[in-house]
PDB file of N, CA and C in Angstrom:
ATOM      1  N   TYR A   1      67.106   7.087 177.788  1.00  0.00           N
ATOM      2  CA  TYR A   1      67.729   8.874 177.796  1.00  0.00           C
ATOM      3  C   TYR A   1      66.602   9.322 178.791  1.00  0.00           C
ATOM      4  N   ARG A   2      67.172  10.240 179.144  1.00  0.00           N
ATOM      5  CA  ARG A   2      66.254  10.879 180.245  1.00  0.00           C
ATOM      6  C   ARG A   2      66.419  12.825 180.242  1.00  0.00           C
ATOM      7  N   LEU A   3      65.182  12.511 179.850  1.00  0.00           N
ATOM      8  CA  LEU A   3      64.384  14.487 179.131  1.00  0.00           C
ATOM      9  C   LEU A   3      64.299  15.320 180.595  1.00  0.00           C
ATOM     10  N   GLY A   4      64.957  16.167 180.946  1.00  0.00           N
ATOM     11  CA  GLY A   4      64.240  16.746 181.819  1.00  0.00           C
ATOM     12  C   GLY A   4      63.455  18.424 181.419  1.00  0.00           C
ATOM     13  N   PRO A   5      62.731  18.769 182.117  1.00  0.00           N
ATOM     14  CA  PRO A   5      62.604  20.375 181.335  1.00  0.00           C
ATOM     15  C   PRO A   5      62.561  20.844 181.340  1.00  0.00           C
ATOM     16  N   GLU A   6      62.694  22.264 180.961  1.00  0.00           N
ATOM     17  CA  GLU A   6      63.453  23.622 180.235  1.00  0.00           C
ATOM     18  C   GLU A   6      64.308  24.323 181.456  1.00  0.00           C
ATOM     19  N   LEU A   7      64.061  24.413 181.729  1.00  0.00           N
ATOM     20  CA  LEU A   7      65.074  25.258 182.957  1.00  0.00           C
ATOM     21  C   LEU A   7      65.258  24.306 184.183  1.00  0.00           C
ATOM     22  N   GLU A   8      65.478  23.416 184.069  1.00  0.00           N
ATOM     23  CA  GLU A   8      65.102  22.610 185.137  1.00  0.00           C
ATOM     24  C   GLU A   8      66.256  22.803 186.729  1.00  0.00           C
ATOM     25  N   ILE A   9      66.618  22.722 186.140  1.00  0.00           N
ATOM     26  CA  ILE A   9      68.063  23.280 187.448  1.00  0.00           C
ATOM     27  C   ILE A   9      67.528  24.748 188.162  1.00  0.00           C
ATOM     28  N   SER A  10      67.538  25.603 187.431  1.00  0.00           N
ATOM     29  CA  SER A  10      66.921  26.800 188.404  1.00  0.00           C
ATOM     30  C   SER A  10      65.694  27.010 188.494  1.00  0.00           C
ATOM     31  N   GLY A  11      64.612  26.661 187.735  1.00  0.00           N
ATOM     32  CA  GLY A  11      63.177  26.943 187.857  1.00  0.00           C
ATOM     33  C   GLY A  11      62.870  27.811 186.949  1.00  0.00           C
ATOM     34  N   TYR A  12      61.467  27.455 185.739  1.00  0.00           N
ATOM     35  CA  TYR A  12      61.338  28.609 185.075  1.00  0.00           C
ATOM     36  C   TYR A  12      60.876  29.942 185.525  1.00  0.00           C
ATOM     37  N   GLY A  13      60.291  30.045 186.623  1.00  0.00           N
ATOM     38  CA  GLY A  13      59.972  30.682 187.280  1.00  0.00           C
ATOM     39  C   GLY A  13      60.754  32.243 188.054  1.00  0.00           C
ATOM     40  N   CYS A  14      62.192  31.911 187.747  1.00  0.00           N
ATOM     41  CA  CYS A  14      62.938  32.738 188.720  1.00  0.00           C
ATOM     42  C   CYS A  14      63.322  34.490 187.779  1.00  0.00           C
ATOM     43  N   GLU A  15      62.434  34.585 186.389  1.00  0.00           N
ATOM     44  CA  GLU A  15      62.500  35.649 186.082  1.00  0.00           C
ATOM     45  C   GLU A  15      63.600  36.733 186.144  1.00  0.00           C
ATOM     46  N   ASP A  16      63.338  37.925 186.942  1.00  0.00           N
ATOM     47  CA  ASP A  16      64.680  38.976 187.354  1.00  0.00           C
ATOM     48  C   ASP A  16      65.961  38.434 188.150  1.00  0.00           C
ATOM     49  N   HIS A  17      65.329  37.153 188.081  1.00  0.00           N
ATOM     50  CA  HIS A  17      66.799  36.554 188.768  1.00  0.00           C
ATOM     51  C   HIS A  17      68.130  35.616 187.899  1.00  0.00           C
ATOM     52  N   PHE A  18      67.178  35.813 187.206  1.00  0.00           N
ATOM     53  CA  PHE A  18      68.263  35.084 185.795  1.00  0.00           C
ATOM     54  C   PHE A  18      69.645  36.366 185.130  1.00  0.00           C
ATOM     55  N   LEU A  19      69.078  37.964 185.871  1.00  0.00           N
ATOM     56  CA  LEU A  19      70.131  38.778 185.355  1.00  0.00           C
ATOM     57  C   LEU A  19      71.040  38.887 186.355  1.00  0.00           C
ATOM     58  N   GLU A  20      70.903  37.928 187.741  1.00  0.00           N
ATOM     59  CA  GLU A  20      71.999  38.113 189.153  1.00  0.00           C
ATOM     60  C   GLU A  20      72.934  36.576 188.655  1.00  0.00           C
ATOM     61  N   GLY A  21      74.477  36.592 188.662  1.00  0.00           N
ATOM     62  CA  GLY A  21      75.014  35.835 188.897  1.00  0.00           C
ATOM     63  C   GLY A  21      75.424  34.547 189.643  1.00  0.00           C
ATOM     64  N   ASP A  22      74.107  35.124 191.171  1.00  0.00           N
ATOM     65  CA  ASP A  22      74.378  33.447 191.626  1.00  0.00           C
ATOM     66  C   ASP A  22      73.081  32.826 191.241  1.00  0.00           C
ATOM     67  N   THR A  23      71.979  33.612 190.452  1.00  0.00           N
ATOM     68  CA  THR A  23      71.656  32.070 189.785  1.00  0.00           C
ATOM     69  C   THR A  23      72.028  31.028 188.702  1.00  0.00           C
ATOM     70  N   PHE A  24      73.572  31.760 187.856  1.00  0.00           N
ATOM     71  CA  PHE A  24      74.272  30.784 187.204  1.00  0.00           C
ATOM     72  C   PHE A  24      74.849  30.016 188.118  1.00  0.00           C
ATOM     73  N   LEU A  25      76.185  30.535 188.857  1.00  0.00           N
ATOM     74  CA  LEU A  25      76.503  29.634 189.620  1.00  0.00           C
ATOM     75  C   LEU A  25      75.995  28.805 190.804  1.00  0.00           C
ATOM     76  N   HIS A  26      74.645  29.103 191.336  1.00  0.00           N
ATOM     77  CA  HIS A  26      73.869  27.971 191.869  1.00  0.00           C
ATOM     78  C   HIS A  26      73.662  26.952 190.687  1.00  0.00           C
ATOM     79  N   SER A  27      73.371  26.972 189.858  1.00  0.00           N
ATOM     80  CA  SER A  27      72.587  26.013 189.014  1.00  0.00           C
ATOM     81  C   SER A  27      74.071  25.171 188.634  1.00  0.00           C
ATOM     82  N   TRP A  28      75.106  25.611 188.527  1.00  0.00           N
ATOM     83  CA  TRP A  28      76.457  25.508 188.153  1.00  0.00           C
ATOM     84  C   TRP A  28      76.731  24.001 189.723  1.00  0.00           C
ATOM     85  N   GLN A  29      76.218  24.357 190.888  1.00  0.00           N
ATOM     86  CA  GLN A  29      76.900  23.426 191.639  1.00  0.00           C
ATOM     87  C   GLN A  29      75.050  22.496 192.182  1.00  0.00           C
ATOM     88  N   CYS A  30      74.096  22.962 191.516  1.00  0.00           N
ATOM     89  CA  CYS A  30      73.163  21.445 191.369  1.00  0.00           C
ATOM     90  C   CYS A  30      74.117  20.258 190.550  1.00  0.00           C
ATOM     91  N   ILE A  31      74.455  21.281 189.126  1.00  0.00           N
ATOM     92  CA  ILE A  31      75.146  20.071 188.693  1.00  0.00           C
ATOM     93  C   ILE A  31      76.556  19.322 189.219  1.00  0.00           C
ATOM     94  N   ALA A  32      77.021  19.708 189.801  1.00  0.00           N
ATOM     95  CA  ALA A  32      78.356  19.193 190.516  1.00  0.00           C
ATOM     96  C   ALA A  32      77.513  18.130 191.006  1.00  0.00           C
ATOM     97  N   GLU A  33      77.037  18.771 191.561  1.00  0.00           N
ATOM     98  CA  GLU A  33      76.307  17.821 193.145  1.00  0.00           C
ATOM     99  C   GLU A  33      75.826  16.470 191.988  1.00  0.00           C
ATOM    100  N   LEU A  34      75.004  16.263 190.970  1.00  0.00           N
ATOM    101  CA  LEU A  34      74.677  15.731 190.039  1.00  0.00           C
ATOM    102  C   LEU A  34      76.470  14.676 189.516  1.00  0.00           C
ATOM    103  N   LEU A  35      76.997  15.323 188.859  1.00  0.00           N
ATOM    104  CA  LEU A  35      78.302  14.822 188.760  1.00  0.00           C
ATOM    105  C   LEU A  35      78.938  14.170 189.807  1.00  0.00           C
ATOM    106  N   LYS A  36      78.646  14.114 190.727  1.00  0.00           N
ATOM    107  CA  LYS A  36      79.433  13.153 191.703  1.00  0.00           C
ATOM    108  C   LYS A  36      78.550  12.074 192.204  1.00  0.00           C
ATOM    109  N   THR A  37      77.480  11.803 191.459  1.00  0.00           N
ATOM    110  CA  THR A  37      76.473  10.635 191.883  1.00  0.00           C
ATOM    111  C   THR A  37      76.980   9.428 190.598  1.00  0.00           C
ATOM    112  N   ASP A  38      75.929   8.934 190.929  1.00  0.00           N
ATOM    113  CA  ASP A  38      75.806   7.809 189.500  1.00  0.00           C
ATOM    114  C   ASP A  38      74.754   7.796 188.697  1.00  0.00           C
ATOM    115  N   ALA A  39      73.918   8.908 188.935  1.00  0.00           N
ATOM    116  CA  ALA A  39      72.842   9.472 188.319  1.00  0.00           C
ATOM    117  C   ALA A  39      72.667   9.663 186.940  1.00  0.00           C
ATOM    118  N   THR A  40      74.214   9.746 186.196  1.00  0.00           N
ATOM    119  CA  THR A  40      74.694  10.009 184.769  1.00  0.00           C
ATOM    120  C   THR A  40      74.598   8.448 184.368  1.00  0.00           C
ATOM    121  N   ASP A  41      75.229   7.584 185.211  1.00  0.00           N
ATOM    122  CA  ASP A  41      76.285   6.093 184.995  1.00  0.00           C
ATOM    123  C   ASP A  41      75.121   5.198 183.843  1.00  0.00           C
ATOM    124  N   ASP A  42      75.838   5.634 182.496  1.00  0.00           N
ATOM    125  CA  ASP A  42      75.096   4.877 181.021  1.00  0.00           C
ATOM    126  C   ASP A  42      73.466   5.440 181.212  1.00  0.00           C
ATOM    127  N   ILE A  43      73.571   6.317 181.223  1.00  0.00           N
ATOM    128  CA  ILE A  43      71.890   7.049 180.762  1.00  0.00           C
ATOM    129  C   ILE A  43      72.116   8.500 180.226  1.00  0.00           C
ATOM    130  N   LEU A  44      72.251   9.062 178.972  1.00  0.00           N
ATOM    131  CA  LEU A  44      72.133  10.100 178.550  1.00  0.00           C
ATOM    132  C   LEU A  44      71.223  11.131 179.519  1.00  0.00           C
ATOM    133  N   CYS A  45      71.604  11.796 180.115  1.00  0.00           N
ATOM    134  CA  CYS A  45      70.876  12.983 181.033  1.00  0.00           C
ATOM    135  C   CYS A  45      70.432  14.522 180.051  1.00  0.00           C
ATOM    136  N   ASP A  46      69.507  15.155 180.073  1.00  0.00           N
ATOM    137  CA  ASP A  46      69.209  16.190 179.457  1.00  0.00           C
ATOM    138  C   ASP A  46      68.416  16.733 179.997  1.00  0.00           C
ATOM    139  N   ILE A  47      69.448  18.057 180.706  1.00  0.00           N
ATOM    140  CA  ILE A  47      68.935  18.692 181.949  1.00  0.00           C
ATOM    141  C   ILE A  47      69.462  20.344 181.378  1.00  0.00           C
ATOM    142  N   GLY A  48      67.847  21.101 181.682  1.00  0.00           N
ATOM    143  CA  GLY A  48      67.875  22.304 181.595  1.00  0.00           C
ATOM    144  C   GLY A  48      68.342  22.876 182.376  1.00  0.00           C
ATOM    145  N   MET A  49      69.188  24.311 182.018  1.00  0.00           N
ATOM    146  CA  MET A  49      69.612  25.304 182.964  1.00  0.00           C
ATOM    147  C   MET A  49      70.567  26.345 181.986  1.00  0.00           C
ATOM    148  N   PRO A  50      70.290  27.583 182.911  1.00  0.00           N
ATOM    149  CA  PRO A  50      70.457  28.926 182.211  1.00  0.00           C
ATOM    150  C   PRO A  50      72.240  28.679 182.390  1.00  0.00           C
ATOM    151  N   ILE A  51      72.752  28.928 181.152  1.00  0.00           N
ATOM    152  CA  ILE A  51      74.462  29.154 180.883  1.00  0.00           C
ATOM    153  C   ILE A  51      74.791  30.372 180.605  1.00  0.00           C
ATOM    154  N   SER A  52      75.690  30.865 180.872  1.00  0.00           N
ATOM    155  CA  SER A  52      76.669  32.509 180.700  1.00  0.00           C
ATOM    156  C   SER A  52      77.578  32.120 179.763  1.00  0.00           C
ATOM    157  N   HIS A  53      77.752  32.581 178.759  1.00  0.00           N
ATOM    158  CA  HIS A  53      79.077  32.315 177.376  1.00  0.00           C
ATOM    159  C   HIS A  53      79.004  33.763 176.897  1.00  0.00           C
ATOM    160  N   LYS A  54      80.229  33.828 177.632  1.00  0.00           N
ATOM    161  CA  LYS A  54      81.186  35.142 177.002  1.00  0.00           C
ATOM    162  C   LYS A  54      80.294  36.168 177.519  1.00  0.00           C
ATOM    163  N   ASN A  55      79.591  36.291 178.276  1.00  0.00           N
ATOM    164  CA  ASN A  55      79.110  37.172 179.426  1.00  0.00           C
ATOM    165  C   ASN A  55      77.777  37.379 178.928  1.00  0.00           C
ATOM    166  N   VAL A  56      77.173  36.838 177.767  1.00  0.00           N
ATOM    167  CA  VAL A  56      75.554  36.563 177.356  1.00  0.00           C
ATOM    168  C   VAL A  56      75.139  35.398 177.935  1.00  0.00           C
ATOM    169  N   ARG A  57      73.886  35.817 178.681  1.00  0.00           N
ATOM    170  CA  ARG A  57      72.772  34.902 179.343  1.00  0.00           C
ATOM    171  C   ARG A  57      71.994  33.819 178.306  1.00  0.00           C
ATOM    172  N   TYR A  58      72.240  32.241 178.152  1.00  0.00           N
ATOM    173  CA  TYR A  58      71.588  31.608 177.577  1.00  0.00           C
ATOM    174  C   TYR A  58      70.703  30.575 177.818  1.00  0.00           C
ATOM    175  N   ASN A  59      69.321  30.376 177.520  1.00  0.00           N
ATOM    176  CA  ASN A  59      68.367  28.950 177.721  1.00  0.00           C
ATOM    177  C   ASN A  59      69.500  27.686 177.420  1.00  0.00           C
ATOM    178  N   CYS A  60      69.567  27.236 178.504  1.00  0.00           N
ATOM    179  CA  CYS A  60      70.771  25.475 177.401  1.00  0.00           C
ATOM    180  C   CYS A  60      70.300  24.265 177.892  1.00  0.00           C
ATOM    181  N   ARG A  61      70.334  23.669 177.169  1.00  0.00           N
ATOM    182  CA  ARG A  61      69.946  21.817 177.658  1.00  0.00           C
ATOM    183  C   ARG A  61      71.593  21.635 177.612  1.00  0.00           C
ATOM    184  N   ILE A  62      72.045  21.129 178.632  1.00  0.00           N
ATOM    185  CA  ILE A  62      73.117  20.278 178.810  1.00  0.00           C
ATOM    186  C   ILE A  62      73.212  18.484 179.053  1.00  0.00           C
ATOM    187  N   PHE A  63      73.525  17.990 178.457  1.00  0.00           N
ATOM    188  CA  PHE A  63      73.563  16.758 177.724  1.00  0.00           C
ATOM    189  C   PHE A  63      74.743  16.160 179.023  1.00  0.00           C
ATOM    190  N   ILE A  64      74.529  15.007 179.664  1.00  0.00           N
ATOM    191  CA  ILE A  64      75.808  14.555 180.559  1.00  0.00           C
ATOM    192  C   ILE A  64      75.606  13.261 180.305  1.00  0.00           C
ATOM    193  N   LEU A  65      76.839  12.268 180.055  1.00  0.00           N
ATOM    194  CA  LEU A  65      76.614  11.347 180.037  1.00  0.00           C
ATOM    195  C   LEU A  65      77.671  10.276 180.568  1.00  0.00           C
ATOM    196  N   ASN A  66      77.753   9.291 181.982  1.00  0.00           N
ATOM    197  CA  ASN A  66      78.803   8.362 182.569  1.00  0.00           C
ATOM    198  C   ASN A  66      79.548  10.097 183.300  1.00  0.00           C
ATOM    199  N   ARG A  67      79.204  10.621 183.794  1.00  0.00           N
ATOM    200  CA  ARG A  67      79.929  11.648 184.325  1.00  0.00           C
ATOM    201  C   ARG A  67      80.379  12.954 183.357  1.00  0.00           C
ATOM    202  N   LYS A  68      80.346  13.014 182.592  1.00  0.00           N
ATOM    203  CA  LYS A  68      80.794  14.005 181.796  1.00  0.00           C
ATOM    204  C   LYS A  68      79.765  14.700 180.932  1.00  0.00           C
ATOM    205  N   ILE A  69      80.361  16.053 180.661  1.00  0.00           N
ATOM    206  CA  ILE A  69      79.642  17.223 180.474  1.00  0.00           C
ATOM    207  C   ILE A  69      79.355  16.371 178.759  1.00  0.00           C
ATOM    208  N   ILE A  70      78.495  15.875 177.479  1.00  0.00           N
ATOM    209  CA  ILE A  70      78.750  15.675 176.558  1.00  0.00           C
ATOM    210  C   ILE A  70      78.694  16.926 175.528  1.00  0.00           C
ATOM    211  N   VAL A  71      77.884  17.623 175.847  1.00  0.00           N
ATOM    212  CA  VAL A  71      77.714  18.976 174.960  1.00  0.00           C
ATOM    213  C   VAL A  71      76.348  19.976 175.424  1.00  0.00           C
ATOM    214  N   ILE A  72      76.758  21.311 175.780  1.00  0.00           N
ATOM    215  CA  ILE A  72      75.410  22.360 175.818  1.00  0.00           C
ATOM    216  C   ILE A  72      74.399  22.516 175.105  1.00  0.00           C
ATOM    217  N   ARG A  73      73.997  23.285 174.417  1.00  0.00           N
ATOM    218  CA  ARG A  73      72.823  23.636 173.211  1.00  0.00           C
ATOM    219  C   ARG A  73      72.429  24.346 173.494  1.00  0.00           C
ATOM    220  N   PRO A  74      72.823  25.829 173.820  1.00  0.00           N
ATOM    221  CA  PRO A  74      71.544  26.419 173.324  1.00  0.00           C
ATOM    222  C   PRO A  74      70.468  26.726 172.658  1.00  0.00           C
ATOM    223  N   LYS A  75      69.516  27.616 173.596  1.00  0.00           N
ATOM    224  CA  LYS A  75      68.262  27.885 173.144  1.00  0.00           C
ATOM    225  C   LYS A  75      68.412  28.676 170.828  1.00  0.00           C
ATOM    226  N   LEU A  76      67.429  28.387 170.084  1.00  0.00           N
ATOM    227  CA  LEU A  76      67.319  28.931 168.960  1.00  0.00           C
ATOM    228  C   LEU A  76      66.419  29.867 168.937  1.00  0.00           C
ATOM    229  N   ALA A  77      65.345  29.568 169.088  1.00  0.00           N
ATOM    230  CA  ALA A  77      64.093  30.866 169.669  1.00  0.00           C
ATOM    231  C   ALA A  77      63.605  30.977 170.692  1.00  0.00           C
ATOM    232  N   LEU A  78      63.336  31.806 170.707  1.00  0.00           N
ATOM    233  CA  LEU A  78      62.812  32.270 172.432  1.00  0.00           C
ATOM    234  C   LEU A  78      61.713  32.635 172.749  1.00  0.00           C
ATOM    235  N   ALA A  79      60.486  32.121 173.627  1.00  0.00           N
ATOM    236  CA  ALA A  79      58.868  32.844 173.426  1.00  0.00           C
ATOM    237  C   ALA A  79      59.324  33.787 173.947  1.00  0.00           C
ATOM    238  N   ASP A  80      58.852  34.792 173.679  1.00  0.00           N
ATOM    239  CA  ASP A  80      58.073  35.961 173.120  1.00  0.00           C
ATOM    240  C   ASP A  80      56.270  36.438 173.492  1.00  0.00           C
ATOM    241  N   ASP A  81      55.624  35.316 173.356  1.00  0.00           N
ATOM    242  CA  ASP A  81      54.478  35.980 173.133  1.00  0.00           C
ATOM    243  C   ASP A  81      53.628  35.328 174.265  1.00  0.00           C
ATOM    244  N   GLY A  82      52.211  35.842 174.667  1.00  0.00           N
ATOM    245  CA  GLY A  82      51.908  35.619 176.089  1.00  0.00           C
ATOM    246  C   GLY A  82      52.452  36.042 177.074  1.00  0.00           C
ATOM    247  N   ASN A  83      52.268  35.239 177.566  1.00  0.00           N
ATOM    248  CA  ASN A  83      52.557  34.685 179.150  1.00  0.00           C
ATOM    249  C   ASN A  83      53.912  34.928 179.299  1.00  0.00           C
ATOM    250  N   TYR A  84      55.178  34.781 178.037  1.00  0.00           N
ATOM    251  CA  TYR A  84      56.510  34.596 177.907  1.00  0.00           C
ATOM    252  C   TYR A  84      57.558  35.845 177.292  1.00  0.00           C
ATOM    253  N   ARG A  85      58.576  36.153 178.337  1.00  0.00           N
ATOM    254  CA  ARG A  85      59.137  37.099 178.194  1.00  0.00           C
ATOM    255  C   ARG A  85      60.635  36.581 177.395  1.00  0.00           C
ATOM    256  N   GLU A  86      61.231  35.001 177.810  1.00  0.00           N
ATOM    257  CA  GLU A  86      62.142  35.511 177.504  1.00  0.00           C
ATOM    258  C   GLU A  86      63.328  36.021 177.216  1.00  0.00           C
ATOM    259  N   SER A  87      63.834  36.690 176.080  1.00  0.00           N
ATOM    260  CA  SER A  87      64.314  37.635 175.577  1.00  0.00           C
ATOM    261  C   SER A  87      64.499  38.564 176.486  1.00  0.00           C
ATOM    262  N   ARG A  88      64.015  38.902 177.891  1.00  0.00           N
ATOM    263  CA  ARG A  88      63.868  39.178 178.596  1.00  0.00           C
ATOM    264  C   ARG A  88      65.579  39.559 179.812  1.00  0.00           C
ATOM    265  N   TRP A  89      65.677  38.102 179.285  1.00  0.00           N
ATOM    266  CA  TRP A  89      66.352  37.248 180.221  1.00  0.00           C
ATOM    267  C   TRP A  89      67.882  36.475 179.782  1.00  0.00           C
ATOM    268  N   PHE A  90      67.513  35.881 177.969  1.00  0.00           N
ATOM    269  CA  PHE A  90      68.172  35.023 177.430  1.00  0.00           C
ATOM    270  C   PHE A  90      68.303  35.920 175.934  1.00  0.00           C
ATOM    271  N   THR A  91      69.386  35.825 175.177  1.00  0.00           N
ATOM    272  CA  THR A  91      69.530  36.030 174.100  1.00  0.00           C
ATOM    273  C   THR A  91      70.170  34.284 173.330  1.00  0.00           C
ATOM    274  N   SER A  92      68.844  34.274 172.163  1.00  0.00           N
ATOM    275  CA  SER A  92      68.745  32.958 171.243  1.00  0.00           C
ATOM    276  C   SER A  92      70.092  33.132 170.843  1.00  0.00           C
ATOM    277  N   TRP A  93      70.466  31.571 170.736  1.00  0.00           N
ATOM    278  CA  TRP A  93      72.145  31.536 169.781  1.00  0.00           C
ATOM    279  C   TRP A  93      72.072  31.741 168.619  1.00  0.00           C
ATOM    280  N   GLN A  94      72.425  32.689 167.649  1.00  0.00           N
ATOM    281  CA  GLN A  94      72.600  32.855 166.281  1.00  0.00           C
ATOM    282  C   GLN A  94      73.877  32.450 165.629  1.00  0.00           C
ATOM    283  N   HIS A  95      74.846  31.280 166.078  1.00  0.00           N
ATOM    284  CA  HIS A  95      75.450  30.889 165.089  1.00  0.00           C
ATOM    285  C   HIS A  95      74.833  29.789 164.962  1.00  0.00           C
ATOM    286  N   ARG A  96      73.601  29.306 164.306  1.00  0.00           N
ATOM    287  CA  ARG A  96      73.242  27.813 164.373  1.00  0.00           C
ATOM    288  C   ARG A  96      74.083  26.547 163.369  1.00  0.00           C
ATOM    289  N   TYR A  97      75.392  26.974 162.771  1.00  0.00           N
ATOM    290  CA  TYR A  97      75.695  25.735 161.836  1.00  0.00           C
ATOM    291  C   TYR A  97      76.741  25.929 162.525  1.00  0.00           C
ATOM    292  N   GLN A  98      77.610  26.063 163.969  1.00  0.00           N
ATOM    293  CA  GLN A  98      78.676  26.334 164.557  1.00  0.00           C
ATOM    294  C   GLN A  98      78.825  25.793 166.119  1.00  0.00           C
ATOM    295  N   THR A  99      80.155  25.659 166.469  1.00  0.00           N
ATOM    296  CA  THR A  99      80.125  24.742 167.695  1.00  0.00           C
ATOM    297  C   THR A  99      81.312  26.347 168.069  1.00  0.00           C
ATOM    298  N   GLU A 100      81.221  26.200 169.384  1.00  0.00           N
ATOM    299  CA  GLU A 100      82.307  26.737 170.134  1.00  0.00           C
ATOM    300  C   GLU A 100      82.827  26.072 171.051  1.00  0.00           C
ATOM    301  N   ASP A 101      83.984  26.622 172.117  1.00  0.00           N
ATOM    302  CA  ASP A 101      84.542  25.350 173.219  1.00  0.00           C
ATOM    303  C   ASP A 101      83.946  26.609 174.222  1.00  0.00           C
ATOM    304  N   TYR A 102      83.606  26.025 175.507  1.00  0.00           N
ATOM    305  CA  TYR A 102      82.515  26.787 176.903  1.00  0.00           C
ATOM    306  C   TYR A 102      83.575  26.145 177.499  1.00  0.00           C
ATOM    307  N   TYR A 103      84.076  26.841 178.681  1.00  0.00           N
ATOM    308  CA  TYR A 103      84.980  27.047 179.113  1.00  0.00           C
ATOM    309  C   TYR A 103      84.477  26.455 180.713  1.00  0.00           C
ATOM    310  N   LEU A 104      84.619  25.044 181.289  1.00  0.00           N
ATOM    311  CA  LEU A 104      83.807  24.944 182.668  1.00  0.00           C
ATOM    312  C   LEU A 104      84.358  26.006 183.774  1.00  0.00           C
ATOM    313  N   PRO A 105      83.217  25.792 184.362  1.00  0.00           N
ATOM    314  CA  PRO A 105      84.179  26.195 185.839  1.00  0.00           C
ATOM    315  C   PRO A 105      84.118  25.357 186.505  1.00  0.00           C
ATOM    316  N   GLY A 106      85.109  25.988 187.259  1.00  0.00           N
ATOM    317  CA  GLY A 106      86.164  25.216 187.829  1.00  0.00           C
ATOM    318  C   GLY A 106      85.738  23.953 188.725  1.00  0.00           C
ATOM    319  N   ILE A 107      84.578  24.221 189.538  1.00  0.00           N
ATOM    320  CA  ILE A 107      83.509  22.952 189.951  1.00  0.00           C
ATOM    321  C   ILE A 107      83.667  22.068 189.464  1.00  0.00           C
ATOM    322  N   ILE A 108      83.124  22.006 188.563  1.00  0.00           N
ATOM    323  CA  ILE A 108      82.975  21.050 187.398  1.00  0.00           C
ATOM    324  C   ILE A 108      84.493  20.409 187.067  1.00  0.00           C
ATOM    325  N   ARG A 109      85.294  21.200 186.985  1.00  0.00           N
ATOM    326  CA  ARG A 109      86.485  20.805 186.472  1.00  0.00           C
ATOM    327  C   ARG A 109      86.760  20.041 187.077  1.00  0.00           C
ATOM    328  N   ASN A 110      86.703  20.026 188.672  1.00  0.00           N
ATOM    329  CA  ASN A 110      87.362  19.710 189.410  1.00  0.00           C
ATOM    330  C   ASN A 110      86.784  18.468 189.642  1.00  0.00           C
ATOM    331  N   ILE A 111      85.633  17.787 189.338  1.00  0.00           N
ATOM    332  CA  ILE A 111      84.799  16.590 189.108  1.00  0.00           C
ATOM    333  C   ILE A 111      84.701  15.852 188.141  1.00  0.00           C
ATOM    334  N   THR A 112      84.773  16.083 186.919  1.00  0.00           N
ATOM    335  CA  THR A 112      84.994  15.447 185.439  1.00  0.00           C
ATOM    336  C   THR A 112      86.205  15.890 184.587  1.00  0.00           C
ATOM    337  N   GLY A 113      87.391  16.716 185.292  1.00  0.00           N
ATOM    338  CA  GLY A 113      88.601  16.322 184.694  1.00  0.00           C
ATOM    339  C   GLY A 113      88.252  17.198 183.069  1.00  0.00           C
ATOM    340  N   GLN A 114      86.972  17.798 183.258  1.00  0.00           N
ATOM    341  CA  GLN A 114      87.214  18.781 181.363  1.00  0.00           C
ATOM    342  C   GLN A 114      87.693  19.567 181.716  1.00  0.00           C
ATOM    343  N   GLN A 115      87.932  20.785 180.724  1.00  0.00           N
ATOM    344  CA  GLN A 115      88.240  22.397 181.323  1.00  0.00           C
ATOM    345  C   GLN A 115      87.253  22.767 180.018  1.00  0.00           C
ATOM    346  N   THR A 116      87.284  22.187 179.150  1.00  0.00           N
ATOM    347  CA  THR A 116      86.145  22.818 177.954  1.00  0.00           C
ATOM    348  C   THR A 116      85.233  21.600 177.846  1.00  0.00           C
ATOM    349  N   VAL A 117      83.889  22.127 177.049  1.00  0.00           N
ATOM    350  CA  VAL A 117      83.172  21.188 176.182  1.00  0.00           C
ATOM    351  C   VAL A 117      82.586  22.145 175.031  1.00  0.00           C
TER     352      VAL A 117
END
């Protein structure tokens, strides 16, 4: 098992750049490069990155195993005290006990063959 830090792909310090679509696109491009390699072969990788789902921005964990995305898990509770202002950029996942299909971007579909996760 390999656990990466929160927002590992984009970096936590993007701040208002999380309001820009390019930040999400470039995060997916980084995941695509990772999926092209053997880095996830026979090891579950837990990677943090921003995800936009139904036009809502989430701070998520992506679990990848054997070059496939297994699950995307949005954060349930955001940090909004002291130096943290996560709710400025992200929404917490409100559907605690339900799942939804996430339609993967074309760059990922072309590599994994997956349409949804």
